[in-house]
């Protein structure tokens, strides 16, 4: 194991550091965490109200009355969800453009708004006709327009945010902007500076959307069947979405996360920079299925990892915290005291770097093994229907058991988390005792 860690330090560490430091990966990660996550959590709250974790046939008593009212009010309660979680592509587009603009030290807020306007253009099929005449917004219903701004539009949103930020940086570096006299107030001057980049971004998106709609849509160009850029790109990348929702993919993702943590890199940040659009697409498909009364079937999503595999933090280290609290080694007991409260809210950096687990060949074994076993068993449990798949994304710091209940709206999710804790405990215990014995011997 020690030779493996040394090999990873020499080979994997330089590659992952380049990924971590890549400005585009940082922008994507910042967009999901900083811009989209608050809207995701707010939307998830309204989703729980719209589709409560209560039996559909519950009609008796106070709970039955509440359940009947919530079912009747579901179309209304889904409106706040649709304008928060449902517009995730819009928030991500803004976040990517803003973060990348700040990297270039230009006005992030204005660039983010420009990127949002550009994305909106991509969500309307351009060039469609009714009775032989070109039509605009009236050719598209609101719900279809909003669908393009949800999980379907994530890939286009990321590319749009990057493209708009890069366009602005390029034009500003070369002075292709409208410069105002020094006497003009700075806010007004910046607004004029943005006119040429905004015109090129929105105008370019309009022309590109026209080409895409007229090239890839079924002929003739009927408003009901015409395709938009988000739909076209998602169709082309559907193989990635399907491949991500498999057991081998889930195991590969969790192993990569843990291996990065073992060499001291935040594995979730690195993997999520690439996988988050795929996770959110799967979660969005589950929510859409629930909204029309169909079963949710996509397993691998963000809550699949955060709520079920990261119990107490990456590596399912919550059971290890309680072992440390009872340790005979003073060093480990002190780490356990420090790590208890953060661990209850799924924050485990005190464990990873305090025990330590990072660069520790002995403790790295259960750190890799426990979440891999948990992911495998959880996938099989959800694939066979023993446990519902996740349809809600609770906050990352949601305590264990409550998070499992909220993620799939079922007591079975809570029970699965309990089983996962037992599995993690059984895997960690022998390695913890060996490590404790070594520290006592050294003392």
Foldseek 3Di string as FASTA:
>chain_A
DLVVLVVCVVPVVVVLVCLVPDQLLVLLLCLCVPFQVVLQQVLLVLLCQLVPLDDQPQQDDPVNVSSVVSPVCNVVSCVSNCVRQLQSLLSSLLSSLLSSLVVLPHHSNVLSVLLSLLQLLLLWQFDADDPRDGDGPVLDDPVSSSNCSHLLVNVVSSVSSVVLNVLLSVCVVVVVFDADDPVDDPVVRVVRRCPVSSCCSNVVSNVVQNCCQVPPWDPPRHSVTTDGPSNVVCVVCVVVLVVCQDLVNLLVLLLQCLSCLQQPHRSCSSSCSPCQSSQRSLLVQQSVCVSVPHARQRADHDCNCLQALLQLAQLNCQLVLVVLCVFPQPQSVVLSVVSNVSSQQSDGPSDCPRVPSHSDVLNSVSSNVLSSVRSNVVSVCCNVPVAGHFNGDHDSRDGQLVSLCSRRSDNSRSVSNVVSNVSSNVSRVVSVVVSSVVSVVVD
